[in-house]
Amino acid sequence: MLAAPGTTPGRALDYARRGWPVFPCWPGSKEPATRHGFRDASTDPNEIRSWWRRQPGANLAVATGAPGPDVLDVDKHGPEGSGFAAYRQLDEAGLLDGAIAMVATPRGGLHVYFTGTEQASGRLPRHFLDFKAVGGYVLAPPSRVGGKPYRMLIDGAGFGILDWAEITRLLEPRRERLIRRRVATIGDPARLVAWVARLEEGNRNCGLFWAACRAVETGQESLLDSLAAAAAATGLPDREVARTIASALRSSATSV
């Protein structure tokens, strides 16, 4: 009875069967109801039943990033603006193809689910977009905030992957050009590595890419290991670091 279809624990078990780790949040809230938050997320049916047995009214959260989904959070802030203009631009560019699911959020926004990856979470506040991936989580249906529910609009639509770096390049090309100019002015290898180590979330992929290109173009490929270590220290996943450097090597070889 506790985990009947349509109930919150029932939906939690359904998400867990998909391989998505879940955990409870306090009733009506986005605040985790477990000690370690999303780090406690689990697909263990016994753990899940136990959580909702103790907190029957708890909201349901899904930990994002593989093995969970990646989620594009399209915010809506009334007169302040919304992310739907950027969303339409991304859709027209074909960057949102293959979404797994779409969820309407209580404030009129949208969560677009994709196959989970090891990309880092990111934000484009000027465009009212958040990217929930490694180290993040989202509330999922049938959770409620402010008395309003998260509603599933589309479920099981596809198996696509969202490329956050490509989205950033499309929506904020000036940021990429700025990164290129700043890196091009750095002549001291130690300063180049230190610059990568200071990259903030949202700039890490692009910054590492241009730094690696700069190292290769100036015949300093021995710097790549140091650049990789610096990027990893900022929180960029190892697989993403390796992928970005490999892309830089291909790009530099093509431009020669």
Protein backbone atom coordinates (compact mmCIF):
# COMPACT_ATOMS: atom_id res chain seq x y z
CA MET A 1 0.00 0.00 0.00
CA LEU A 2 2.84 2.39 0.92
CA ALA A 3 4.48 2.11 -2.50
CA ALA A 4 1.29 1.98 -4.58
CA PRO A 5 1.60 3.42 -8.12
CA GLY A 6 1.08 7.18 -8.13
CA THR A 7 2.15 7.68 -4.53
CA THR A 8 5.42 9.46 -3.80
CA PRO A 9 7.23 6.28 -2.65
CA GLY A 10 5.75 4.46 -5.63
CA ARG A 11 7.21 7.05 -7.99
CA ALA A 12 10.51 6.94 -6.09
CA LEU A 13 10.71 3.19 -6.68
CA ASP A 14 9.83 3.71 -10.33
CA TYR A 15 12.68 6.19 -10.79
CA ALA A 16 15.03 3.83 -8.92
CA ARG A 17 14.14 1.01 -11.34
CA ARG A 18 15.39 3.27 -14.11
CA GLY A 19 18.70 3.46 -12.27
CA TRP A 20 18.14 7.01 -10.97
CA PRO A 21 19.24 7.46 -7.33
CA VAL A 22 16.57 9.18 -5.21
CA PHE A 23 16.28 10.63 -1.71
CA PRO A 24 13.65 12.49 0.36
CA CYS A 25 13.36 16.23 0.96
CA TRP A 26 11.31 17.82 3.72
CA PRO A 27 7.58 18.14 2.95
CA GLY A 28 6.87 21.14 0.74
CA SER A 29 10.59 21.95 0.54
CA LYS A 30 13.69 21.48 -1.63
CA GLU A 31 15.81 20.91 1.48
CA PRO A 32 17.17 17.34 1.81
CA ALA A 33 15.74 15.31 4.67
CA THR A 34 18.86 13.12 4.91
CA ARG A 35 22.12 14.01 6.62
CA HIS A 36 24.26 14.12 3.49
CA GLY A 37 21.67 15.27 0.99
CA PHE A 38 22.11 14.03 -2.56
CA ARG A 39 25.12 11.96 -1.46
CA ASP A 40 22.64 9.69 0.36
CA ALA A 41 20.64 9.08 -2.84
CA SER A 42 19.93 5.41 -3.44
CA THR A 43 18.24 2.94 -5.76
CA ASP A 44 17.83 0.38 -2.94
CA PRO A 45 14.09 -0.39 -2.62
CA ASN A 46 14.39 -1.19 1.09
CA GLU A 47 16.12 2.12 1.82
CA ILE A 48 13.55 4.02 -0.21
CA ARG A 49 10.59 2.36 1.55
CA SER A 50 12.22 3.04 4.90
CA TRP A 51 12.62 6.77 4.15
CA TRP A 52 8.97 7.25 3.23
CA ARG A 53 7.77 5.06 6.06
CA ARG A 54 9.44 7.53 8.44
CA GLN A 55 8.45 10.64 6.40
CA PRO A 56 5.20 9.86 4.51
CA GLY A 57 4.81 13.44 3.31
CA ALA A 58 8.39 13.91 2.14
CA ASN A 59 9.12 15.38 -1.28
CA LEU A 60 11.02 13.29 -3.80
CA ALA A 61 14.41 14.31 -5.24
CA VAL A 62 16.52 12.71 -7.96
CA ALA A 63 20.33 13.01 -7.84
CA THR A 64 21.52 14.24 -11.23
CA GLY A 65 24.54 13.18 -13.28
CA ALA A 66 25.28 9.57 -14.21
CA PRO A 67 23.76 7.20 -13.21
CA GLY A 68 20.93 9.71 -12.73
CA PRO A 69 19.71 12.00 -15.50
CA ASP A 70 21.13 15.36 -16.55
CA VAL A 71 18.49 18.08 -16.28
CA LEU A 72 18.19 21.48 -17.98
CA ASP A 73 16.34 23.77 -15.56
CA VAL A 74 14.49 26.53 -17.42
CA ASP A 75 13.61 29.13 -14.77
CA LYS A 76 10.71 31.57 -14.80
CA HIS A 77 10.95 34.59 -12.51
CA GLY A 78 7.94 36.66 -13.51
CA PRO A 79 8.82 40.26 -14.45
CA GLU A 80 12.52 39.55 -13.90
CA GLY A 81 12.56 37.29 -16.95
CA SER A 82 12.57 33.63 -17.90
CA GLY A 83 14.68 31.03 -19.66
CA PHE A 84 12.14 30.24 -22.37
CA ALA A 85 13.68 32.57 -24.97
CA ALA A 86 17.00 30.74 -24.58
CA TYR A 87 15.15 27.42 -24.51
CA ARG A 88 13.57 28.16 -27.91
CA GLN A 89 16.96 29.18 -29.31
CA LEU A 90 18.48 25.89 -28.15
CA ASP A 91 15.54 23.92 -29.52
CA GLU A 92 15.85 25.58 -32.93
CA ALA A 93 19.57 24.75 -32.95
CA GLY A 94 18.78 21.07 -32.36
CA LEU A 95 20.57 20.97 -29.00
CA LEU A 96 17.57 19.61 -27.10
CA ASP A 97 16.83 16.61 -29.32
CA GLY A 98 16.19 13.29 -27.62
CA ALA A 99 14.99 14.55 -24.23
CA ILE A 100 13.99 11.70 -21.91
CA ALA A 101 11.29 13.61 -20.05
CA MET A 102 9.84 17.06 -19.44
CA VAL A 103 8.48 18.26 -16.11
CA ALA A 104 6.52 21.44 -15.39
CA THR A 105 7.77 23.11 -12.21
CA PRO A 106 5.55 24.88 -9.63
CA ARG A 107 6.64 28.42 -10.66
CA GLY A 108 5.93 27.89 -14.36
CA GLY A 109 9.39 26.73 -15.37
CA LEU A 110 10.49 23.52 -17.03
CA HIS A 111 12.85 20.63 -16.27
CA VAL A 112 14.11 18.83 -19.38
CA TYR A 113 15.69 15.45 -18.63
CA PHE A 114 18.49 13.83 -20.65
CA THR A 115 20.64 10.73 -20.35
CA GLY A 116 23.03 11.26 -17.45
CA THR A 117 26.71 12.03 -18.05
CA GLU A 118 29.74 13.00 -15.97
CA GLN A 119 29.54 16.66 -16.97
CA ALA A 120 29.74 19.16 -14.14
CA SER A 121 26.69 21.21 -13.20
CA GLY A 122 26.61 24.78 -14.53
CA ARG A 123 24.62 28.02 -14.70
CA LEU A 124 23.88 30.73 -17.24
CA PRO A 125 22.11 33.23 -14.98
CA ARG A 126 21.70 35.86 -17.71
CA HIS A 127 19.64 33.32 -19.64
CA PHE A 128 17.81 31.93 -16.58
CA LEU A 129 19.17 28.44 -17.24
CA ASP A 130 20.70 25.95 -14.81
CA PHE A 131 22.32 22.66 -15.73
CA LYS A 132 21.88 19.98 -13.09
CA ALA A 133 24.44 17.21 -13.57
CA VAL A 134 27.22 15.83 -11.33
CA GLY A 135 26.80 17.18 -7.82
CA GLY A 136 23.22 18.34 -8.27
CA TYR A 137 19.64 17.25 -7.80
CA VAL A 138 16.09 18.20 -8.75
CA LEU A 139 12.71 17.68 -7.16
CA ALA A 140 10.62 15.29 -9.23
CA PRO A 141 6.91 14.54 -9.58
CA PRO A 142 4.79 14.28 -7.50
CA SER A 143 6.70 16.66 -5.17
CA ARG A 144 5.00 19.91 -4.20
CA VAL A 145 6.37 23.36 -3.27
CA GLY A 146 4.15 26.22 -2.21
CA GLY A 147 1.16 23.93 -2.58
CA LYS A 148 1.84 23.45 -6.31
CA PRO A 149 3.06 20.16 -7.86
CA TYR A 150 5.85 19.15 -10.20
CA ARG A 151 3.94 17.65 -13.16
CA MET A 152 5.24 15.13 -15.68
CA LEU A 153 4.49 16.44 -19.19
CA ILE A 154 6.38 13.92 -21.30
CA ASP A 155 7.98 10.68 -20.11
CA GLY A 156 10.14 8.20 -21.99
CA ALA A 157 10.56 10.37 -25.10
CA GLY A 158 14.18 9.59 -26.04
CA PHE A 159 17.77 8.87 -25.06
CA GLY A 160 19.55 12.10 -25.94
CA ILE A 161 22.55 13.73 -24.27
CA LEU A 162 22.74 17.46 -23.58
CA ASP A 163 26.10 19.10 -24.34
CA TRP A 164 26.42 21.95 -21.81
CA ALA A 165 29.67 23.27 -23.31
CA GLU A 166 28.01 23.58 -26.72
CA ILE A 167 25.04 25.36 -25.16
CA THR A 168 27.40 27.81 -23.45
CA ARG A 169 29.21 28.46 -26.74
CA LEU A 170 25.91 29.17 -28.51
CA LEU A 171 24.34 31.42 -25.88
CA GLU A 172 27.47 33.23 -24.65
CA PRO A 173 30.02 33.28 -27.49
CA ARG A 174 31.57 36.45 -26.03
CA ARG A 175 32.61 34.45 -22.96
CA GLU A 176 34.51 32.00 -25.18
CA ARG A 177 36.21 34.82 -27.12
CA LEU A 178 37.19 36.49 -23.84
CA ILE A 179 38.71 33.24 -22.61
CA ARG A 180 40.67 32.92 -25.86
CA ARG A 181 42.04 36.46 -25.59
CA ARG A 182 43.01 36.09 -21.94
CA VAL A 183 44.81 32.80 -22.48
CA ALA A 184 46.62 34.13 -25.55
CA THR A 185 48.24 36.84 -23.44
CA ILE A 186 49.73 34.39 -20.94
CA GLY A 187 53.34 33.62 -21.78
CA ASP A 188 54.50 32.06 -18.50
CA PRO A 189 53.56 28.34 -18.38
CA ALA A 190 53.09 28.49 -14.59
CA ARG A 191 50.63 31.36 -14.99
CA LEU A 192 48.71 29.39 -17.61
CA VAL A 193 48.32 26.47 -15.19
CA ALA A 194 47.38 28.82 -12.35
CA TRP A 195 44.78 30.49 -14.57
CA VAL A 196 43.12 27.12 -15.28
CA ALA A 197 43.13 26.34 -11.56
CA ARG A 198 41.07 29.51 -10.94
CA LEU A 199 38.39 28.78 -13.54
CA GLU A 200 34.88 28.98 -12.13
CA GLU A 201 31.93 26.69 -12.78
CA GLY A 202 30.53 27.31 -16.26
CA ASN A 203 33.95 28.33 -17.67
CA ARG A 204 35.95 25.21 -16.87
CA ASN A 205 35.47 23.27 -20.11
CA CYS A 206 36.00 26.28 -22.38
CA GLY A 207 38.93 27.53 -20.31
CA LEU A 208 40.70 24.19 -20.28
CA PHE A 209 40.09 23.79 -24.02
CA TRP A 210 41.71 27.10 -24.92
CA ALA A 211 44.57 26.65 -22.47
CA ALA A 212 45.32 23.21 -23.92
CA CYS A 213 45.15 24.61 -27.46
CA ARG A 214 47.54 27.40 -26.47
CA ALA A 215 49.98 24.89 -24.97
CA VAL A 216 49.94 22.74 -28.12
CA GLU A 217 50.17 25.69 -30.51
CA THR A 218 53.25 27.02 -28.69
CA GLY A 219 54.96 23.63 -28.58
CA GLN A 220 54.40 23.12 -24.85
CA GLU A 221 52.50 19.83 -24.90
CA SER A 222 54.37 18.84 -21.74
CA LEU A 223 52.05 21.29 -19.97
CA LEU A 224 48.96 19.22 -20.72
CA ASP A 225 49.32 16.99 -17.66
CA SER A 226 49.62 20.04 -15.40
CA LEU A 227 46.65 21.68 -17.06
CA ALA A 228 44.63 18.50 -16.62
CA ALA A 229 45.49 18.32 -12.93
CA ALA A 230 44.59 21.99 -12.44
CA ALA A 231 41.22 21.51 -14.15
CA ALA A 232 40.48 18.39 -12.10
CA ALA A 233 41.23 20.35 -8.92
CA THR A 234 38.45 22.82 -9.85
CA GLY A 235 35.95 19.94 -9.82
CA LEU A 236 35.87 19.08 -13.52
CA PRO A 237 35.40 15.26 -13.77
CA ASP A 238 38.42 13.27 -14.99
CA ARG A 239 36.54 11.94 -18.01
CA GLU A 240 35.52 15.46 -19.02
CA VAL A 241 39.12 16.68 -18.56
CA ALA A 242 40.43 13.91 -20.82
CA ARG A 243 37.72 14.56 -23.41
CA THR A 244 38.40 18.31 -23.47
CA ILE A 245 42.16 17.90 -23.87
CA ALA A 246 41.67 15.30 -26.61
CA SER A 247 39.37 17.77 -28.40
CA ALA A 248 42.01 20.50 -28.07
CA LEU A 249 44.65 18.22 -29.55
CA ARG A 250 42.41 17.44 -32.53
CA SER A 251 41.52 21.08 -33.02
CA SER A 252 45.13 22.24 -32.91
CA ALA A 253 46.24 19.51 -35.29
CA THR A 254 43.52 20.54 -37.77
CA SER A 255 44.50 24.21 -37.65
CA VAL A 256 48.18 23.57 -38.34
